[in-house]
PDB file of N, CA and C in Angstrom:
ATOM      1  N   MET A   1     -19.496 -37.111  15.467  1.00  0.00           N
ATOM      2  CA  MET A   1     -18.897 -36.801  14.188  1.00  0.00           C
ATOM      3  C   MET A   1     -19.261 -35.381  13.750  1.00  0.00           C
ATOM      4  N   THR A   2     -20.514 -35.000  13.974  1.00  0.00           N
ATOM      5  CA  THR A   2     -20.946 -33.658  13.595  1.00  0.00           C
ATOM      6  C   THR A   2     -20.195 -32.604  14.397  1.00  0.00           C
ATOM      7  N   ARG A   3     -19.964 -32.884  15.668  1.00  0.00           N
ATOM      8  CA  ARG A   3     -19.244 -31.938  16.523  1.00  0.00           C
ATOM      9  C   ARG A   3     -17.807 -31.750  16.027  1.00  0.00           C
ATOM     10  N   LEU A   4     -17.176 -32.805  15.537  1.00  0.00           N
ATOM     11  CA  LEU A   4     -15.825 -32.740  15.010  1.00  0.00           C
ATOM     12  C   LEU A   4     -15.789 -31.896  13.733  1.00  0.00           C
ATOM     13  N   LYS A   5     -16.765 -32.066  12.856  1.00  0.00           N
ATOM     14  CA  LYS A   5     -16.839 -31.276  11.629  1.00  0.00           C
ATOM     15  C   LYS A   5     -17.036 -29.800  11.958  1.00  0.00           C
ATOM     16  N   PHE A   6     -17.917 -29.511  12.915  1.00  0.00           N
ATOM     17  CA  PHE A   6     -18.166 -28.130  13.317  1.00  0.00           C
ATOM     18  C   PHE A   6     -16.894 -27.501  13.878  1.00  0.00           C
ATOM     19  N   SER A   7     -16.156 -28.239  14.686  1.00  0.00           N
ATOM     20  CA  SER A   7     -14.909 -27.727  15.253  1.00  0.00           C
ATOM     21  C   SER A   7     -13.874 -27.448  14.165  1.00  0.00           C
ATOM     22  N   ALA A   8     -13.802 -28.342  13.200  1.00  0.00           N
ATOM     23  CA  ALA A   8     -12.845 -28.156  12.107  1.00  0.00           C
ATOM     24  C   ALA A   8     -13.199 -26.924  11.276  1.00  0.00           C
ATOM     25  N   VAL A   9     -14.476 -26.745  10.979  1.00  0.00           N
ATOM     26  CA  VAL A   9     -14.917 -25.585  10.204  1.00  0.00           C
ATOM     27  C   VAL A   9     -14.677 -24.301  10.992  1.00  0.00           C
ATOM     28  N   ALA A  10     -14.993 -24.295  12.273  1.00  0.00           N
ATOM     29  CA  ALA A  10     -14.772 -23.111  13.108  1.00  0.00           C
ATOM     30  C   ALA A  10     -13.283 -22.766  13.173  1.00  0.00           C
ATOM     31  N   PHE A  11     -12.437 -23.777  13.271  1.00  0.00           N
ATOM     32  CA  PHE A  11     -10.997 -23.553  13.298  1.00  0.00           C
ATOM     33  C   PHE A  11     -10.514 -22.931  11.990  1.00  0.00           C
ATOM     34  N   MET A  12     -10.966 -23.444  10.856  1.00  0.00           N
ATOM     35  CA  MET A  12     -10.555 -22.921   9.553  1.00  0.00           C
ATOM     36  C   MET A  12     -11.027 -21.479   9.359  1.00  0.00           C
ATOM     37  N   ILE A  13     -12.216 -21.163   9.797  1.00  0.00           N
ATOM     38  CA  ILE A  13     -12.712 -19.788   9.702  1.00  0.00           C
ATOM     39  C   ILE A  13     -11.860 -18.869  10.563  1.00  0.00           C
ATOM     40  N   GLY A  14     -11.522 -19.316  11.764  1.00  0.00           N
ATOM     41  CA  GLY A  14     -10.679 -18.515  12.644  1.00  0.00           C
ATOM     42  C   GLY A  14      -9.310 -18.250  12.050  1.00  0.00           C
ATOM     43  N   VAL A  15      -8.713 -19.271  11.451  1.00  0.00           N
ATOM     44  CA  VAL A  15      -7.409 -19.106  10.812  1.00  0.00           C
ATOM     45  C   VAL A  15      -7.522 -18.130   9.644  1.00  0.00           C
ATOM     46  N   GLY A  16      -8.566 -18.260   8.849  1.00  0.00           N
ATOM     47  CA  GLY A  16      -8.761 -17.371   7.706  1.00  0.00           C
ATOM     48  C   GLY A  16      -8.942 -15.927   8.129  1.00  0.00           C
ATOM     49  N   LEU A  17      -9.747 -15.685   9.146  1.00  0.00           N
ATOM     50  CA  LEU A  17      -9.968 -14.320   9.616  1.00  0.00           C
ATOM     51  C   LEU A  17      -8.707 -13.725  10.225  1.00  0.00           C
ATOM     52  N   THR A  18      -7.962 -14.522  10.961  1.00  0.00           N
ATOM     53  CA  THR A  18      -6.722 -14.038  11.556  1.00  0.00           C
ATOM     54  C   THR A  18      -5.717 -13.656  10.468  1.00  0.00           C
ATOM     55  N   SER A  19      -5.600 -14.452   9.425  1.00  0.00           N
ATOM     56  CA  SER A  19      -4.684 -14.162   8.324  1.00  0.00           C
ATOM     57  C   SER A  19      -5.093 -12.893   7.597  1.00  0.00           C
ATOM     58  N   ALA A  20      -6.381 -12.728   7.352  1.00  0.00           N
ATOM     59  CA  ALA A  20      -6.863 -11.527   6.666  1.00  0.00           C
ATOM     60  C   ALA A  20      -6.616 -10.287   7.511  1.00  0.00           C
ATOM     61  N   TYR A  21      -6.823 -10.384   8.819  1.00  0.00           N
ATOM     62  CA  TYR A  21      -6.592  -9.243   9.700  1.00  0.00           C
ATOM     63  C   TYR A  21      -5.113  -8.865   9.729  1.00  0.00           C
ATOM     64  N   ALA A  22      -4.237  -9.847   9.777  1.00  0.00           N
ATOM     65  CA  ALA A  22      -2.801  -9.570   9.805  1.00  0.00           C
ATOM     66  C   ALA A  22      -2.347  -8.926   8.503  1.00  0.00           C
ATOM     67  N   ALA A  23      -2.892  -9.354   7.375  1.00  0.00           N
ATOM     68  CA  ALA A  23      -2.527  -8.757   6.090  1.00  0.00           C
ATOM     69  C   ALA A  23      -3.006  -7.317   6.008  1.00  0.00           C
ATOM     70  N   ALA A  24      -4.220  -7.044   6.453  1.00  0.00           N
ATOM     71  CA  ALA A  24      -4.738  -5.677   6.426  1.00  0.00           C
ATOM     72  C   ALA A  24      -3.948  -4.787   7.368  1.00  0.00           C
ATOM     73  N   ASP A  25      -3.557  -5.311   8.519  1.00  0.00           N
ATOM     74  CA  ASP A  25      -2.804  -4.517   9.490  1.00  0.00           C
ATOM     75  C   ASP A  25      -1.431  -4.146   8.946  1.00  0.00           C
ATOM     76  N   SER A  26      -0.750  -5.061   8.266  1.00  0.00           N
ATOM     77  CA  SER A  26       0.566  -4.751   7.740  1.00  0.00           C
ATOM     78  C   SER A  26       0.484  -3.797   6.559  1.00  0.00           C
ATOM     79  N   ALA A  27      -0.610  -3.824   5.809  1.00  0.00           N
ATOM     80  CA  ALA A  27      -0.757  -2.906   4.685  1.00  0.00           C
ATOM     81  C   ALA A  27      -0.944  -1.471   5.160  1.00  0.00           C
ATOM     82  N   ALA A  28      -1.437  -1.273   6.369  1.00  0.00           N
ATOM     83  CA  ALA A  28      -1.679   0.067   6.878  1.00  0.00           C
ATOM     84  C   ALA A  28      -0.497   0.611   7.681  1.00  0.00           C
ATOM     85  N   ALA A  29       0.592  -0.131   7.769  1.00  0.00           N
ATOM     86  CA  ALA A  29       1.745   0.311   8.546  1.00  0.00           C
ATOM     87  C   ALA A  29       2.420   1.503   7.878  1.00  0.00           C
ATOM     88  N   PRO A  30       2.934   2.447   8.646  1.00  0.00           N
ATOM     89  CA  PRO A  30       3.591   3.602   8.058  1.00  0.00           C
ATOM     90  C   PRO A  30       4.953   3.251   7.472  1.00  0.00           C
ATOM     91  N   ALA A  31       5.415   4.077   6.546  1.00  0.00           N
ATOM     92  CA  ALA A  31       6.744   3.861   5.954  1.00  0.00           C
ATOM     93  C   ALA A  31       7.805   4.201   6.991  1.00  0.00           C
ATOM     94  N   ASN A  32       8.601   3.228   7.374  1.00  0.00           N
ATOM     95  CA  ASN A  32       9.618   3.464   8.397  1.00  0.00           C
ATOM     96  C   ASN A  32      10.970   2.893   7.995  1.00  0.00           C
ATOM     97  N   GLY A  33      11.137   2.583   6.726  1.00  0.00           N
ATOM     98  CA  GLY A  33      12.396   2.020   6.270  1.00  0.00           C
ATOM     99  C   GLY A  33      12.424   0.505   6.351  1.00  0.00           C
ATOM    100  N   LEU A  34      11.593  -0.096   7.180  1.00  0.00           N
ATOM    101  CA  LEU A  34      11.546  -1.547   7.294  1.00  0.00           C
ATOM    102  C   LEU A  34      10.373  -2.124   6.514  1.00  0.00           C
ATOM    103  N   THR A  35       9.438  -1.284   6.137  1.00  0.00           N
ATOM    104  CA  THR A  35       8.262  -1.725   5.417  1.00  0.00           C
ATOM    105  C   THR A  35       8.485  -1.545   3.924  1.00  0.00           C
ATOM    106  N   LEU A  36       8.093  -2.510   3.131  1.00  0.00           N
ATOM    107  CA  LEU A  36       8.275  -2.451   1.695  1.00  0.00           C
ATOM    108  C   LEU A  36       6.921  -2.224   1.040  1.00  0.00           C
ATOM    109  N   TYR A  37       6.741  -1.086   0.401  1.00  0.00           N
ATOM    110  CA  TYR A  37       5.528  -0.813  -0.346  1.00  0.00           C
ATOM    111  C   TYR A  37       5.823  -1.063  -1.818  1.00  0.00           C
ATOM    112  N   VAL A  38       4.991  -1.835  -2.460  1.00  0.00           N
ATOM    113  CA  VAL A  38       5.195  -2.134  -3.859  1.00  0.00           C
ATOM    114  C   VAL A  38       3.961  -1.697  -4.627  1.00  0.00           C
ATOM    115  N   ASP A  39       4.189  -1.011  -5.738  1.00  0.00           N
ATOM    116  CA  ASP A  39       3.163  -0.744  -6.728  1.00  0.00           C
ATOM    117  C   ASP A  39       2.206   0.403  -6.433  1.00  0.00           C
ATOM    118  N   TRP A  40       1.783   0.646  -5.197  1.00  0.00           N
ATOM    119  CA  TRP A  40       0.754   1.663  -4.980  1.00  0.00           C
ATOM    120  C   TRP A  40       0.802   2.192  -3.551  1.00  0.00           C
ATOM    121  N   GLN A  41       0.571   3.484  -3.405  1.00  0.00           N
ATOM    122  CA  GLN A  41       0.399   4.081  -2.084  1.00  0.00           C
ATOM    123  C   GLN A  41      -0.849   4.949  -2.123  1.00  0.00           C
ATOM    124  N   VAL A  42      -1.739   4.731  -1.185  1.00  0.00           N
ATOM    125  CA  VAL A  42      -2.942   5.556  -1.106  1.00  0.00           C
ATOM    126  C   VAL A  42      -2.600   6.865  -0.411  1.00  0.00           C
ATOM    127  N   PRO A  43      -3.405   7.913  -0.625  1.00  0.00           N
ATOM    128  CA  PRO A  43      -3.098   9.217  -0.040  1.00  0.00           C
ATOM    129  C   PRO A  43      -2.892   9.215   1.475  1.00  0.00           C
ATOM    130  N   SER A  44      -3.535   8.338   2.203  1.00  0.00           N
ATOM    131  CA  SER A  44      -3.379   8.329   3.663  1.00  0.00           C
ATOM    132  C   SER A  44      -1.961   7.942   4.094  1.00  0.00           C
ATOM    133  N   PHE A  45      -1.171   7.286   3.230  1.00  0.00           N
ATOM    134  CA  PHE A  45       0.211   6.943   3.554  1.00  0.00           C
ATOM    135  C   PHE A  45       1.155   8.127   3.389  1.00  0.00           C
ATOM    136  N   LEU A  46       0.707   9.168   2.676  1.00  0.00           N
ATOM    137  CA  LEU A  46       1.562  10.314   2.377  1.00  0.00           C
ATOM    138  C   LEU A  46       1.510  11.354   3.480  1.00  0.00           C
ATOM    139  N   PRO A  47       2.588  12.106   3.682  1.00  0.00           N
ATOM    140  CA  PRO A  47       2.534  13.241   4.604  1.00  0.00           C
ATOM    141  C   PRO A  47       1.547  14.280   4.060  1.00  0.00           C
ATOM    142  N   PRO A  48       0.916  15.060   4.920  1.00  0.00           N
ATOM    143  CA  PRO A  48      -0.090  16.026   4.471  1.00  0.00           C
ATOM    144  C   PRO A  48       0.406  16.986   3.386  1.00  0.00           C
ATOM    145  N   ARG A  49       1.677  17.364   3.406  1.00  0.00           N
ATOM    146  CA  ARG A  49       2.183  18.317   2.414  1.00  0.00           C
ATOM    147  C   ARG A  49       2.239  17.729   1.011  1.00  0.00           C
ATOM    148  N   LEU A  50       2.198  16.412   0.869  1.00  0.00           N
ATOM    149  CA  LEU A  50       2.226  15.770  -0.438  1.00  0.00           C
ATOM    150  C   LEU A  50       0.837  15.347  -0.920  1.00  0.00           C
ATOM    151  N   ARG A  51      -0.183  15.554  -0.108  1.00  0.00           N
ATOM    152  CA  ARG A  51      -1.544  15.132  -0.454  1.00  0.00           C
ATOM    153  C   ARG A  51      -2.274  16.220  -1.239  1.00  0.00           C
ATOM    154  N   ASN A  52      -1.800  16.502  -2.442  1.00  0.00           N
ATOM    155  CA  ASN A  52      -2.517  17.439  -3.293  1.00  0.00           C
ATOM    156  C   ASN A  52      -2.541  16.901  -4.714  1.00  0.00           C
ATOM    157  N   HIS A  53      -3.415  17.449  -5.510  1.00  0.00           N
ATOM    158  CA  HIS A  53      -3.662  16.959  -6.870  1.00  0.00           C
ATOM    159  C   HIS A  53      -4.004  15.475  -6.826  1.00  0.00           C
ATOM    160  N   CYS A  54      -4.909  15.105  -5.929  1.00  0.00           N
ATOM    161  CA  CYS A  54      -5.314  13.708  -5.772  1.00  0.00           C
ATOM    162  C   CYS A  54      -6.473  13.387  -6.709  1.00  0.00           C
ATOM    163  N   SER A  55      -6.521  12.141  -7.127  1.00  0.00           N
ATOM    164  CA  SER A  55      -7.540  11.707  -8.066  1.00  0.00           C
ATOM    165  C   SER A  55      -7.756  10.204  -7.923  1.00  0.00           C
ATOM    166  N   ILE A  56      -8.616   9.677  -8.760  1.00  0.00           N
ATOM    167  CA  ILE A  56      -8.890   8.239  -8.810  1.00  0.00           C
ATOM    168  C   ILE A  56      -8.353   7.720 -10.143  1.00  0.00           C
ATOM    169  N   GLU A  57      -7.583   6.636 -10.099  1.00  0.00           N
ATOM    170  CA  GLU A  57      -7.047   6.039 -11.306  1.00  0.00           C
ATOM    171  C   GLU A  57      -8.193   5.448 -12.118  1.00  0.00           C
ATOM    172  N   ASN A  58      -8.204   5.672 -13.439  1.00  0.00           N
ATOM    173  CA  ASN A  58      -9.338   5.299 -14.288  1.00  0.00           C
ATOM    174  C   ASN A  58      -9.603   3.804 -14.357  1.00  0.00           C
ATOM    175  N   PHE A  59      -8.584   2.981 -14.483  1.00  0.00           N
ATOM    176  CA  PHE A  59      -8.782   1.557 -14.724  1.00  0.00           C
ATOM    177  C   PHE A  59      -8.995   0.746 -13.452  1.00  0.00           C
ATOM    178  N   THR A  60      -8.301   1.105 -12.380  1.00  0.00           N
ATOM    179  CA  THR A  60      -8.395   0.312 -11.149  1.00  0.00           C
ATOM    180  C   THR A  60      -9.305   0.937 -10.109  1.00  0.00           C
ATOM    181  N   GLY A  61      -9.562   2.245 -10.216  1.00  0.00           N
ATOM    182  CA  GLY A  61     -10.394   2.931  -9.234  1.00  0.00           C
ATOM    183  C   GLY A  61      -9.678   3.229  -7.934  1.00  0.00           C
ATOM    184  N   ARG A  62      -8.343   3.103  -7.913  1.00  0.00           N
ATOM    185  CA  ARG A  62      -7.581   3.366  -6.691  1.00  0.00           C
ATOM    186  C   ARG A  62      -7.217   4.845  -6.601  1.00  0.00           C
ATOM    187  N   PRO A  63      -7.271   5.405  -5.393  1.00  0.00           N
ATOM    188  CA  PRO A  63      -6.896   6.815  -5.236  1.00  0.00           C
ATOM    189  C   PRO A  63      -5.379   6.989  -5.249  1.00  0.00           C
ATOM    190  N   TYR A  64      -4.939   8.155  -5.710  1.00  0.00           N
ATOM    191  CA  TYR A  64      -3.521   8.496  -5.709  1.00  0.00           C
ATOM    192  C   TYR A  64      -3.377  10.009  -5.712  1.00  0.00           C
ATOM    193  N   CYS A  65      -2.190  10.502  -5.377  1.00  0.00           N
ATOM    194  CA  CYS A  65      -1.883  11.931  -5.425  1.00  0.00           C
ATOM    195  C   CYS A  65      -0.680  12.136  -6.327  1.00  0.00           C
ATOM    196  N   SER A  66      -0.711  13.219  -7.118  1.00  0.00           N
ATOM    197  CA  SER A  66       0.409  13.474  -8.025  1.00  0.00           C
ATOM    198  C   SER A  66       1.315  14.603  -7.550  1.00  0.00           C
ATOM    199  N   ASP A  67       0.874  15.447  -6.624  1.00  0.00           N
ATOM    200  CA  ASP A  67       1.709  16.490  -6.032  1.00  0.00           C
ATOM    201  C   ASP A  67       2.626  17.176  -7.052  1.00  0.00           C
ATOM    202  N   HIS A  68       2.051  17.781  -8.056  1.00  0.00           N
ATOM    203  CA  HIS A  68       2.791  18.540  -9.071  1.00  0.00           C
ATOM    204  C   HIS A  68       3.708  17.660  -9.925  1.00  0.00           C
ATOM    205  N   CYS A  69       3.494  16.352  -9.950  1.00  0.00           N
ATOM    206  CA  CYS A  69       4.334  15.459 -10.748  1.00  0.00           C
ATOM    207  C   CYS A  69       3.943  15.474 -12.217  1.00  0.00           C
ATOM    208  N   GLY A  70       2.697  15.746 -12.505  1.00  0.00           N
ATOM    209  CA  GLY A  70       2.225  15.765 -13.883  1.00  0.00           C
ATOM    210  C   GLY A  70       1.261  14.625 -14.155  1.00  0.00           C
ATOM    211  N   SER A  71       0.727  14.641 -15.355  1.00  0.00           N
ATOM    212  CA  SER A  71      -0.241  13.642 -15.777  1.00  0.00           C
ATOM    213  C   SER A  71       0.405  12.257 -15.824  1.00  0.00           C
ATOM    214  N   ASP A  72      -0.320  11.252 -15.403  1.00  0.00           N
ATOM    215  CA  ASP A  72       0.139   9.854 -15.374  1.00  0.00           C
ATOM    216  C   ASP A  72       1.285   9.601 -14.400  1.00  0.00           C
ATOM    217  N   TYR A  73       1.480  10.475 -13.429  1.00  0.00           N
ATOM    218  CA  TYR A  73       2.503  10.282 -12.414  1.00  0.00           C
ATOM    219  C   TYR A  73       1.866  10.266 -11.025  1.00  0.00           C
ATOM    220  N   GLN A  74       2.526   9.607 -10.120  1.00  0.00           N
ATOM    221  CA  GLN A  74       2.075   9.474  -8.736  1.00  0.00           C
ATOM    222  C   GLN A  74       3.253   9.801  -7.827  1.00  0.00           C
ATOM    223  N   VAL A  75       2.967  10.471  -6.707  1.00  0.00           N
ATOM    224  CA  VAL A  75       4.026  10.738  -5.744  1.00  0.00           C
ATOM    225  C   VAL A  75       4.113   9.555  -4.781  1.00  0.00           C
ATOM    226  N   TYR A  76       5.330   9.118  -4.505  1.00  0.00           N
ATOM    227  CA  TYR A  76       5.600   8.023  -3.576  1.00  0.00           C
ATOM    228  C   TYR A  76       6.439   8.557  -2.424  1.00  0.00           C
ATOM    229  N   TYR A  77       6.197   8.043  -1.237  1.00  0.00           N
ATOM    230  CA  TYR A  77       6.920   8.465  -0.043  1.00  0.00           C
ATOM    231  C   TYR A  77       7.471   7.233   0.650  1.00  0.00           C
ATOM    232  N   CYS A  78       8.794   7.141   0.718  1.00  0.00           N
ATOM    233  CA  CYS A  78       9.452   6.038   1.425  1.00  0.00           C
ATOM    234  C   CYS A  78       9.970   6.503   2.782  1.00  0.00           C
ATOM    235  N   SER A  79      10.549   7.688   2.807  1.00  0.00           N
ATOM    236  CA  SER A  79      11.065   8.275   4.037  1.00  0.00           C
ATOM    237  C   SER A  79      11.205   9.774   3.790  1.00  0.00           C
ATOM    238  N   GLU A  80      11.590  10.519   4.822  1.00  0.00           N
ATOM    239  CA  GLU A  80      11.755  11.964   4.663  1.00  0.00           C
ATOM    240  C   GLU A  80      12.845  12.284   3.642  1.00  0.00           C
ATOM    241  N   GLY A  81      13.802  11.402   3.484  1.00  0.00           N
ATOM    242  CA  GLY A  81      14.888  11.632   2.535  1.00  0.00           C
ATOM    243  C   GLY A  81      14.690  10.983   1.183  1.00  0.00           C
ATOM    244  N   SER A  82      13.632  10.215   1.017  1.00  0.00           N
ATOM    245  CA  SER A  82      13.423   9.504  -0.234  1.00  0.00           C
ATOM    246  C   SER A  82      11.951   9.505  -0.619  1.00  0.00           C
ATOM    247  N   PHE A  83      11.587  10.433  -1.489  1.00  0.00           N
ATOM    248  CA  PHE A  83      10.233  10.492  -2.031  1.00  0.00           C
ATOM    249  C   PHE A  83      10.309  11.174  -3.378  1.00  0.00           C
ATOM    250  N   GLY A  84       9.301  10.967  -4.200  1.00  0.00           N
ATOM    251  CA  GLY A  84       9.320  11.586  -5.513  1.00  0.00           C
ATOM    252  C   GLY A  84       8.240  11.025  -6.409  1.00  0.00           C
ATOM    253  N   CYS A  85       8.399  11.236  -7.711  1.00  0.00           N
ATOM    254  CA  CYS A  85       7.390  10.899  -8.706  1.00  0.00           C
ATOM    255  C   CYS A  85       7.803   9.708  -9.553  1.00  0.00           C
ATOM    256  N   CYS A  86       6.846   8.835  -9.819  1.00  0.00           N
ATOM    257  CA  CYS A  86       7.014   7.714 -10.736  1.00  0.00           C
ATOM    258  C   CYS A  86       5.714   7.586 -11.530  1.00  0.00           C
ATOM    259  N   HIS A  87       5.766   6.884 -12.662  1.00  0.00           N
ATOM    260  CA  HIS A  87       4.533   6.617 -13.401  1.00  0.00           C
ATOM    261  C   HIS A  87       3.553   5.889 -12.484  1.00  0.00           C
ATOM    262  N   LEU A  88       2.266   6.061 -12.760  1.00  0.00           N
ATOM    263  CA  LEU A  88       1.223   5.436 -11.945  1.00  0.00           C
ATOM    264  C   LEU A  88       1.476   3.944 -11.762  1.00  0.00           C
ATOM    265  N   GLY A  89       1.545   3.515 -10.513  1.00  0.00           N
ATOM    266  CA  GLY A  89       1.694   2.108 -10.189  1.00  0.00           C
ATOM    267  C   GLY A  89       3.076   1.527 -10.412  1.00  0.00           C
ATOM    268  N   HIS A  90       4.094   2.361 -10.697  1.00  0.00           N
ATOM    269  CA  HIS A  90       5.421   1.837 -10.983  1.00  0.00           C
ATOM    270  C   HIS A  90       6.457   2.190  -9.927  1.00  0.00           C
ATOM    271  N   GLY A  91       6.076   2.820  -8.838  1.00  0.00           N
ATOM    272  CA  GLY A  91       7.027   3.172  -7.802  1.00  0.00           C
ATOM    273  C   GLY A  91       7.002   2.172  -6.658  1.00  0.00           C
ATOM    274  N   TYR A  92       8.122   2.056  -5.965  1.00  0.00           N
ATOM    275  CA  TYR A  92       8.190   1.198  -4.788  1.00  0.00           C
ATOM    276  C   TYR A  92       9.361   1.627  -3.920  1.00  0.00           C
ATOM    277  N   CYS A  93       9.317   1.232  -2.675  1.00  0.00           N
ATOM    278  CA  CYS A  93      10.406   1.487  -1.737  1.00  0.00           C
ATOM    279  C   CYS A  93      11.218   0.203  -1.619  1.00  0.00           C
ATOM    280  N   ASP A  94      12.534   0.299  -1.825  1.00  0.00           N
ATOM    281  CA  ASP A  94      13.358  -0.897  -1.740  1.00  0.00           C
ATOM    282  C   ASP A  94      13.658  -1.242  -0.278  1.00  0.00           C
ATOM    283  N   PHE A  95      14.446  -2.271  -0.064  1.00  0.00           N
ATOM    284  CA  PHE A  95      14.728  -2.733   1.300  1.00  0.00           C
ATOM    285  C   PHE A  95      15.557  -1.741   2.107  1.00  0.00           C
ATOM    286  N   ASN A  96      16.192  -0.786   1.422  1.00  0.00           N
ATOM    287  CA  ASN A  96      16.951   0.258   2.104  1.00  0.00           C
ATOM    288  C   ASN A  96      16.104   1.496   2.381  1.00  0.00           C
ATOM    289  N   GLY A  97      14.821   1.454   2.011  1.00  0.00           N
ATOM    290  CA  GLY A  97      13.934   2.591   2.225  1.00  0.00           C
ATOM    291  C   GLY A  97      14.085   3.677   1.184  1.00  0.00           C
ATOM    292  N   LEU A  98      14.629   3.348   0.001  1.00  0.00           N
ATOM    293  CA  LEU A  98      14.818   4.312  -1.064  1.00  0.00           C
ATOM    294  C   LEU A  98      13.768   4.119  -2.156  1.00  0.00           C
ATOM    295  N   LEU A  99      13.321   5.217  -2.728  1.00  0.00           N
ATOM    296  CA  LEU A  99      12.324   5.153  -3.801  1.00  0.00           C
ATOM    297  C   LEU A  99      12.954   4.626  -5.076  1.00  0.00           C
ATOM    298  N   ARG A 100      12.266   3.713  -5.719  1.00  0.00           N
ATOM    299  CA  ARG A 100      12.685   3.171  -7.006  1.00  0.00           C
ATOM    300  C   ARG A 100      11.488   3.212  -7.943  1.00  0.00           C
ATOM    301  N   CYS A 101      11.736   3.476  -9.215  1.00  0.00           N
ATOM    302  CA  CYS A 101      10.694   3.440 -10.250  1.00  0.00           C
ATOM    303  C   CYS A 101      11.072   2.359 -11.236  1.00  0.00           C
ATOM    304  N   HIS A 102      10.168   1.432 -11.484  1.00  0.00           N
ATOM    305  CA  HIS A 102      10.452   0.404 -12.487  1.00  0.00           C
ATOM    306  C   HIS A 102       9.645   0.722 -13.741  1.00  0.00           C
ATOM    307  N   PRO A 103      10.126   0.324 -14.912  1.00  0.00           N
ATOM    308  CA  PRO A 103       9.457   0.681 -16.185  1.00  0.00           C
ATOM    309  C   PRO A 103       8.128   0.007 -16.368  1.00  0.00           C
TER     310      PRO A 103
END
């Protein structure tokens, strides 16, 4: 009975770790038109030319870059043809790979 419990616990841990790894891997995928980024992009997702005027958001502690967008704005990059400025945490790439800003 103890061996069965140990096997069940080991299986659940394995499933949990595999799920966490898959989620982290998909979050680090580059923007290619098929990936949907919602709410936030860290500076490492941006092309080097857009990685300027970077800072840490006061309330969440997440890094962002404003690239001449102004105060309370963040630069978002969906593709070479679709990037720009939205309020902090309000930009996203739609299913067509186009930048959208929600209020």
